[in-house]
């Protein structure tokens, strides 16, 4: 990672990456959220003795 990049340059690069992403629907995001929520809770339960 290049740490000598200015905040403006990081913002511009971030916007470029976002513009290249495919559009998603709210339903797809909800499914992704549920999957992540399920995975994170299962992971934390495994860590506890």
Protein backbone atom coordinates (compact mmCIF):
# COMPACT_ATOMS: atom_id res chain seq x y z
CA UNK A 1 0.00 0.00 0.00
CA UNK A 2 1.27 3.44 -0.87
CA UNK A 3 1.19 5.55 2.31
CA UNK A 4 2.34 8.73 0.55
CA UNK A 5 -1.00 9.27 -1.18
CA UNK A 6 -2.92 12.41 -0.24
CA UNK A 7 -6.47 12.28 1.10
CA UNK A 8 -7.77 13.79 -2.16
CA UNK A 9 -6.01 11.09 -4.16
CA UNK A 10 -7.40 8.34 -1.89
CA UNK A 11 -10.87 9.81 -2.32
CA UNK A 12 -10.51 9.91 -6.09
CA UNK A 13 -9.27 6.32 -6.22
CA UNK A 14 -12.13 5.20 -3.98
CA UNK A 15 -14.69 6.90 -6.20
CA UNK A 16 -13.17 5.23 -9.27
CA UNK A 17 -13.46 1.80 -7.63
CA UNK A 18 -17.07 2.48 -6.64
CA UNK A 19 -17.97 3.58 -10.16
CA UNK A 20 -16.66 0.27 -11.55
CA UNK A 21 -18.80 -1.86 -9.23
CA UNK A 22 -21.96 -3.39 -10.58
CA UNK A 23 -25.21 -1.95 -9.22
CA UNK A 24 -26.91 -4.08 -6.57
CA UNK A 25 -30.44 -4.26 -5.26
CA UNK A 26 -31.59 -3.75 -1.70
CA UNK A 27 -32.62 -7.42 -1.56
CA UNK A 28 -29.10 -8.55 -2.50
CA UNK A 29 -27.63 -6.32 0.22
CA UNK A 30 -30.07 -7.75 2.78
CA UNK A 31 -29.05 -11.29 1.87
CA UNK A 32 -25.38 -10.31 2.17
CA UNK A 33 -26.02 -8.69 5.56
CA UNK A 34 -27.84 -11.78 6.86
CA UNK A 35 -25.01 -14.02 5.65
CA UNK A 36 -22.37 -11.82 7.31
CA UNK A 37 -24.39 -11.61 10.52
CA UNK A 38 -24.75 -15.39 10.62
CA UNK A 39 -21.05 -15.95 9.93
CA UNK A 40 -19.84 -13.41 12.50
CA UNK A 41 -22.08 -14.75 15.28
CA UNK A 42 -21.02 -18.33 14.56
CA UNK A 43 -17.36 -17.29 14.65
CA UNK A 44 -17.65 -15.46 17.97
CA UNK A 45 -19.46 -18.41 19.57
CA UNK A 46 -16.59 -20.71 18.62
CA UNK A 47 -14.01 -18.49 20.34
CA UNK A 48 -15.70 -18.54 23.72
CA UNK A 49 -14.80 -21.48 25.97
